[in-house]
Structure formats: structure tokens, C-alpha cells
Amino acid sequence: MTEMPARRGWRGEAAGIPPAHTRAPSTAISIADRTPARRPRPGRPLPQTRDDFPLWPTNGTLLKLETARPPQWPPPAKRVIRAPRGPLAGLGAMMIVALLAGFFAWTSAEPFWMDMGHGVRGTAEVTACEGSGVLRRCVADFAAPGRETVDGAQLMGLDAAPGTSVDAEMVPGGRIAYAGNPSGLRVRWATGLGLIVLCGIVLAWLTGGWRFDRLRDRLTAWGLTALAPLVLGAGIVLAAY
């Protein structure tokens, strides 16, 4: 602060009164007065301090850098949606698979019902055999008490010479006479069931059930398509009762 010099011609000089010293107004304004105080905006994080940016990384900072998961590059590719198959390809696949599933169900129907106890016990007389090994086939006449004799029934489960009579079992009105171990019946119809399930999976793939965009739609298409051969097989098995 500076002091103003005394004015000349001060009236109080005659009375012995010294002039008053006045202070000149200061024109210097501090930078702090010119800079308004910053206030944090609502919802905005406070500025970081110097401690958040160390000049030399500490052990904790190095550990964070080592354990940090780097961004995946290149980014994962999206699933490619293929065009659905044509109607002709789908109908052709359905016809072929339906014929296969029907055949497997037809060959498994009578062993299934005999394994479930729906069979008639009787005697089968072997009339002729042809082939050898696995391809050997025998034909027999099946007779049961109180029922008509069934001529030309296919004998399964036992290899016997022509003219031999064996105990066998047969579904009423069926075409197969079974004379083997009862556990063999379960193997026969279980194999047919597995082949029918396989037909359903193949049909779902051939008709393009996996080409839908949404996962829910793909699962629905797969389920309904794979269920179709099972429904067809169940109808054939019920018709053979």
C-alpha cells in the first residue's frame, strides 16, 4: 500500500494540525478473487487427486494391470442365419423318413406286445428253413389251444431243423412266432425305438429346423419335427395290438 503526499495549502497548517495520510485504493486484484470457485455438478464425479495418478505404479497398481481382462479382439462373430430349405426338399425328406420310421415301427410292434404279455403260448412246427448264419430264416405252423392254426408264420429266436416242434409265442393275428429267450424281445423293440428316434433327428436336420434365428424357434422346430416319427410309430404299434 502507498501513502499519498500531503496536499499543499492545507488549512490546518496554521493551527499546527498535520495533514492526514490517506491510502490509495489498490488496483491489484488477486487471481483467486477473479477465478470463481468451482462447484461439482450434481451427478458428476469429483475430480481425481494426484494420488490416483502415481508417477510410479505400486504393487497394487501392477496387480490390477496384470489381472485386468483385455478387450476381446476381434469381436465375436454373430451367428450366420442361413436361408430356409425349399419346400420340395422338405417334403421329400419327410416322405423318406416316414417310410423308414414306419418300417421300424412295424418290425418292432409284435415283439413289443409279446414283451408286454399280450401274446398267446402255443407250439410251432418248423416246416422249412433257408439261408445260413444270421441270414437263416425258418417258417413254421403255429397252433394254440382254442385258436386256429396259423400257417407260414416266421419263426424267430431259435434255429431248428425242419419237422421240429418247439414252444413259441405269438400275438393274435400276428405274423411272427417267437421261440427264444424273453429278453430278446426287449432288445428287438428297443432297437426299433432307437432307430425311430434317429429318424426324427435326421428329419429335423433335413427340413432345416436349425436355421431359425431365435433359439426358442429352433428348439420348437426341432422338438416338433423329431416328435413326428414317434407319433407315426406309436400309431403303427397300437394298430398291431
Protein backbone atom coordinates (compact mmCIF):
# COMPACT_ATOMS: atom_id res chain seq x y z
CA MET A 1 0.00 0.00 0.00
CA THR A 2 1.29 3.54 -0.80
CA GLU A 3 0.68 6.74 1.05
CA MET A 4 -0.48 9.95 -0.60
CA PRO A 5 1.74 13.01 -0.06
CA ALA A 6 0.31 15.88 1.93
CA ARG A 7 -1.57 18.46 -0.06
CA ARG A 8 -0.12 21.85 -0.43
CA GLY A 9 -2.05 24.66 1.13
CA TRP A 10 -3.52 22.60 3.93
CA ARG A 11 -5.68 24.82 6.01
CA GLY A 12 -4.75 23.19 9.27
CA GLU A 13 -1.10 24.09 8.94
CA ALA A 14 -1.70 27.38 10.63
CA ALA A 15 -3.30 25.68 13.61
CA GLY A 16 -0.47 23.15 13.80
CA ILE A 17 -2.58 20.16 12.64
CA PRO A 18 -0.61 17.81 10.40
CA PRO A 19 -2.31 16.59 7.28
CA ALA A 20 -3.91 13.14 7.40
CA HIS A 21 -2.22 10.40 5.47
CA THR A 22 -4.66 8.61 3.14
CA ARG A 23 -4.21 5.27 1.48
CA ALA A 24 -4.53 4.98 -2.23
CA PRO A 25 -7.01 2.36 -3.39
CA SER A 26 -5.25 -0.78 -4.52
CA THR A 27 -5.80 -1.65 -8.14
CA ALA A 28 -4.24 -5.15 -7.87
CA ILE A 29 -6.82 -7.92 -7.74
CA SER A 30 -5.70 -11.38 -6.78
CA ILE A 31 -6.18 -14.26 -9.16
CA ALA A 32 -8.21 -16.07 -6.55
CA ASP A 33 -10.72 -13.18 -6.49
CA ARG A 34 -11.07 -13.26 -10.25
CA THR A 35 -11.48 -17.02 -10.50
CA PRO A 36 -14.88 -18.21 -9.25
CA ALA A 37 -14.94 -21.29 -7.08
CA ARG A 38 -15.83 -24.44 -8.97
CA ARG A 39 -18.72 -26.37 -7.65
CA PRO A 40 -19.27 -30.00 -8.63
CA ARG A 41 -22.30 -30.54 -10.78
CA PRO A 42 -24.93 -32.91 -9.45
CA GLY A 43 -24.36 -36.44 -10.68
CA ARG A 44 -20.81 -35.71 -11.81
CA PRO A 45 -17.86 -37.39 -10.05
CA LEU A 46 -15.36 -35.27 -8.19
CA PRO A 47 -12.05 -34.56 -9.90
CA GLN A 48 -9.38 -37.09 -9.18
CA THR A 49 -6.47 -36.20 -6.97
CA ARG A 50 -2.81 -36.65 -7.58
CA ASP A 51 -2.86 -39.91 -5.63
CA ASP A 52 -4.99 -41.50 -8.35
CA PHE A 53 -2.23 -40.93 -10.90
CA PRO A 54 1.01 -42.15 -9.32
CA LEU A 55 4.21 -41.34 -11.11
CA TRP A 56 5.45 -44.88 -10.45
CA PRO A 57 3.00 -47.83 -10.23
CA THR A 58 2.80 -49.58 -6.92
CA ASN A 59 2.34 -53.30 -6.34
CA GLY A 60 -1.42 -52.91 -6.21
CA THR A 61 -1.45 -50.99 -9.48
CA LEU A 62 0.68 -53.65 -11.18
CA LEU A 63 -1.63 -56.36 -9.86
CA LYS A 64 -4.65 -54.58 -11.31
CA LEU A 65 -2.92 -54.21 -14.66
CA GLU A 66 -1.98 -57.88 -14.74
CA THR A 67 -5.41 -59.17 -13.74
CA ALA A 68 -7.35 -56.77 -15.95
CA ARG A 69 -9.15 -58.57 -18.74
CA PRO A 70 -8.13 -57.18 -22.13
CA PRO A 71 -10.92 -56.41 -24.55
CA GLN A 72 -11.71 -59.21 -26.96
CA TRP A 73 -10.36 -58.55 -30.41
CA PRO A 74 -11.62 -59.23 -32.93
CA PRO A 75 -15.16 -59.06 -31.54
CA PRO A 76 -17.12 -62.34 -31.57
CA ALA A 77 -18.82 -63.03 -34.86
CA LYS A 78 -22.58 -63.16 -34.98
CA ARG A 79 -24.40 -66.34 -35.91
CA VAL A 80 -24.90 -66.63 -39.64
CA ILE A 81 -28.57 -67.10 -40.46
CA ARG A 82 -28.99 -69.40 -43.43
CA ALA A 83 -31.90 -69.37 -45.77
CA PRO A 84 -34.60 -71.98 -45.10
CA ARG A 85 -34.72 -75.07 -47.26
CA GLY A 86 -37.10 -75.29 -50.16
CA PRO A 87 -40.49 -77.00 -49.79
CA LEU A 88 -39.62 -79.77 -52.25
CA ALA A 89 -36.54 -80.81 -50.28
CA GLY A 90 -38.52 -80.78 -47.03
CA LEU A 91 -41.41 -82.83 -48.44
CA GLY A 92 -39.06 -85.36 -49.99
CA ALA A 93 -37.16 -85.80 -46.74
CA MET A 94 -40.43 -86.21 -44.82
CA MET A 95 -41.63 -88.97 -47.16
CA ILE A 96 -38.39 -90.95 -46.97
CA VAL A 97 -38.07 -90.64 -43.19
CA ALA A 98 -41.75 -91.51 -42.71
CA LEU A 99 -41.31 -94.74 -44.69
CA LEU A 100 -38.23 -95.69 -42.65
CA ALA A 101 -39.91 -94.89 -39.33
CA GLY A 102 -43.00 -96.87 -40.34
CA PHE A 103 -40.89 -99.89 -41.25
CA PHE A 104 -39.00 -99.82 -37.95
CA ALA A 105 -42.25 -99.50 -36.01
CA TRP A 106 -43.85 -102.36 -37.95
CA THR A 107 -40.97 -104.73 -37.20
CA SER A 108 -40.94 -103.74 -33.51
CA ALA A 109 -44.68 -103.82 -32.82
CA GLU A 110 -45.16 -107.56 -32.26
CA PRO A 111 -42.01 -108.03 -30.14
CA PHE A 112 -43.19 -105.10 -28.01
CA TRP A 113 -46.65 -106.56 -27.35
CA MET A 114 -45.25 -110.04 -26.65
CA ASP A 115 -42.79 -108.50 -24.18
CA MET A 116 -45.70 -106.67 -22.54
CA GLY A 117 -47.53 -110.02 -22.08
CA HIS A 118 -50.04 -109.65 -24.91
CA GLY A 119 -49.24 -112.96 -26.58
CA VAL A 120 -50.59 -116.48 -26.93
CA ARG A 121 -48.49 -119.52 -25.96
CA GLY A 122 -48.56 -122.49 -28.31
CA THR A 123 -46.50 -124.88 -30.42
CA ALA A 124 -44.67 -124.05 -33.63
CA GLU A 125 -43.79 -126.82 -36.08
CA VAL A 126 -40.91 -125.88 -38.38
CA THR A 127 -41.81 -126.56 -41.99
CA ALA A 128 -38.88 -125.05 -43.97
CA CYS A 129 -35.62 -123.15 -43.47
CA GLU A 130 -33.35 -121.33 -45.88
CA GLY A 131 -30.05 -119.46 -45.64
CA SER A 132 -27.31 -119.88 -43.06
CA GLY A 133 -25.93 -117.97 -40.11
CA VAL A 134 -27.53 -114.61 -39.45
CA LEU A 135 -29.47 -114.78 -42.73
CA ARG A 136 -31.13 -118.11 -41.85
CA ARG A 137 -34.93 -117.90 -41.89
CA CYS A 138 -37.41 -120.55 -40.80
CA VAL A 139 -41.13 -120.87 -41.40
CA ALA A 140 -43.44 -122.71 -39.01
CA ASP A 141 -47.09 -123.55 -38.43
CA PHE A 142 -48.27 -122.14 -35.11
CA ALA A 143 -51.04 -123.86 -33.20
CA ALA A 144 -52.54 -122.75 -29.85
CA PRO A 145 -55.36 -124.31 -27.80
CA GLY A 146 -58.73 -122.82 -28.76
CA ARG A 147 -57.34 -120.94 -31.78
CA GLU A 148 -56.95 -121.60 -35.45
CA THR A 149 -53.59 -122.77 -36.77
CA VAL A 150 -51.51 -120.05 -38.39
CA ASP A 151 -49.65 -121.38 -41.42
CA GLY A 152 -46.40 -119.88 -42.67
CA ALA A 153 -45.53 -117.86 -39.55
CA GLN A 154 -41.95 -116.64 -39.38
CA LEU A 155 -40.08 -118.38 -36.56
CA MET A 156 -37.66 -116.13 -34.64
CA GLY A 157 -35.36 -116.59 -31.67
CA LEU A 158 -34.43 -120.22 -32.33
CA ASP A 159 -32.62 -122.16 -35.03
CA ALA A 160 -34.38 -125.51 -35.55
CA ALA A 161 -34.41 -128.13 -38.28
CA PRO A 162 -37.49 -128.67 -40.44
CA GLY A 163 -40.02 -131.00 -38.82
CA THR A 164 -39.12 -129.92 -35.24
CA SER A 165 -41.85 -128.74 -32.87
CA VAL A 166 -40.91 -126.02 -30.33
CA ASP A 167 -42.75 -123.93 -27.77
CA ALA A 168 -43.41 -120.46 -29.10
CA GLU A 169 -45.45 -117.34 -28.53
CA MET A 170 -47.44 -115.27 -30.97
CA VAL A 171 -49.60 -112.15 -30.97
CA PRO A 172 -53.21 -112.92 -32.00
CA GLY A 173 -53.46 -112.26 -35.73
CA GLY A 174 -49.70 -111.68 -35.97
CA ARG A 175 -47.10 -112.94 -38.39
CA ILE A 176 -44.16 -113.79 -36.05
CA ALA A 177 -43.78 -116.78 -33.77
CA TYR A 178 -41.08 -116.23 -31.17
CA ALA A 179 -39.38 -119.23 -29.53
CA GLY A 180 -36.29 -117.67 -27.91
CA ASN A 181 -35.38 -116.03 -24.63
CA PRO A 182 -37.91 -113.36 -23.48
CA SER A 183 -35.09 -110.84 -23.06
CA GLY A 184 -34.52 -110.99 -26.81
CA LEU A 185 -37.93 -109.41 -27.36
CA ARG A 186 -36.90 -106.35 -25.37
CA VAL A 187 -33.74 -105.99 -27.44
CA ARG A 188 -35.72 -106.14 -30.67
CA TRP A 189 -38.29 -103.46 -29.90
CA ALA A 190 -35.77 -101.22 -28.09
CA THR A 191 -33.58 -101.26 -31.21
CA GLY A 192 -36.53 -100.25 -33.34
CA LEU A 193 -37.39 -97.42 -30.94
CA GLY A 194 -33.85 -96.09 -31.11
CA LEU A 195 -33.95 -96.11 -34.91
CA ILE A 196 -37.23 -94.19 -34.88
CA VAL A 197 -35.71 -91.52 -32.62
CA LEU A 198 -32.76 -91.31 -35.01
CA CYS A 199 -35.20 -90.80 -37.87
CA GLY A 200 -36.68 -87.82 -36.00
CA ILE A 201 -33.26 -86.21 -35.55
CA VAL A 202 -32.39 -86.74 -39.21
CA LEU A 203 -35.73 -85.30 -40.29
CA ALA A 204 -35.19 -82.17 -38.17
CA TRP A 205 -31.81 -81.65 -39.81
CA LEU A 206 -33.03 -82.29 -43.36
CA THR A 207 -36.01 -79.96 -43.08
CA GLY A 208 -33.87 -77.10 -41.73
CA GLY A 209 -35.32 -76.78 -38.25
CA TRP A 210 -32.00 -75.38 -37.02
CA ARG A 211 -31.99 -72.46 -39.48
CA PHE A 212 -34.28 -70.19 -37.48
CA ASP A 213 -32.86 -67.01 -35.95
CA ARG A 214 -34.19 -67.24 -32.39
CA LEU A 215 -33.17 -70.06 -30.10
CA ARG A 216 -36.75 -70.61 -28.99
CA ASP A 217 -37.91 -71.06 -32.57
CA ARG A 218 -35.08 -73.52 -33.29
CA LEU A 219 -35.89 -75.63 -30.24
CA THR A 220 -39.61 -75.64 -31.10
CA ALA A 221 -38.93 -76.71 -34.69
CA TRP A 222 -36.51 -79.43 -33.57
CA GLY A 223 -38.94 -80.77 -30.98
CA LEU A 224 -41.97 -80.91 -33.25
CA THR A 225 -40.05 -82.39 -36.17
CA ALA A 226 -38.36 -85.06 -34.06
CA LEU A 227 -41.69 -85.94 -32.47
CA ALA A 228 -43.39 -86.70 -35.80
CA PRO A 229 -41.76 -90.14 -36.41
CA LEU A 230 -42.50 -91.14 -32.80
CA VAL A 231 -46.18 -90.32 -33.26
CA LEU A 232 -46.25 -92.31 -36.50
CA GLY A 233 -44.53 -95.28 -34.84
CA ALA A 234 -46.90 -95.17 -31.87
CA GLY A 235 -49.87 -95.34 -34.24
CA ILE A 236 -48.46 -98.40 -36.01
CA VAL A 237 -47.72 -100.15 -32.71
CA LEU A 238 -51.26 -99.51 -31.45
CA ALA A 239 -52.68 -100.86 -34.71
CA ALA A 240 -50.77 -104.13 -34.18
CA TYR A 241 -52.38 -104.77 -30.79
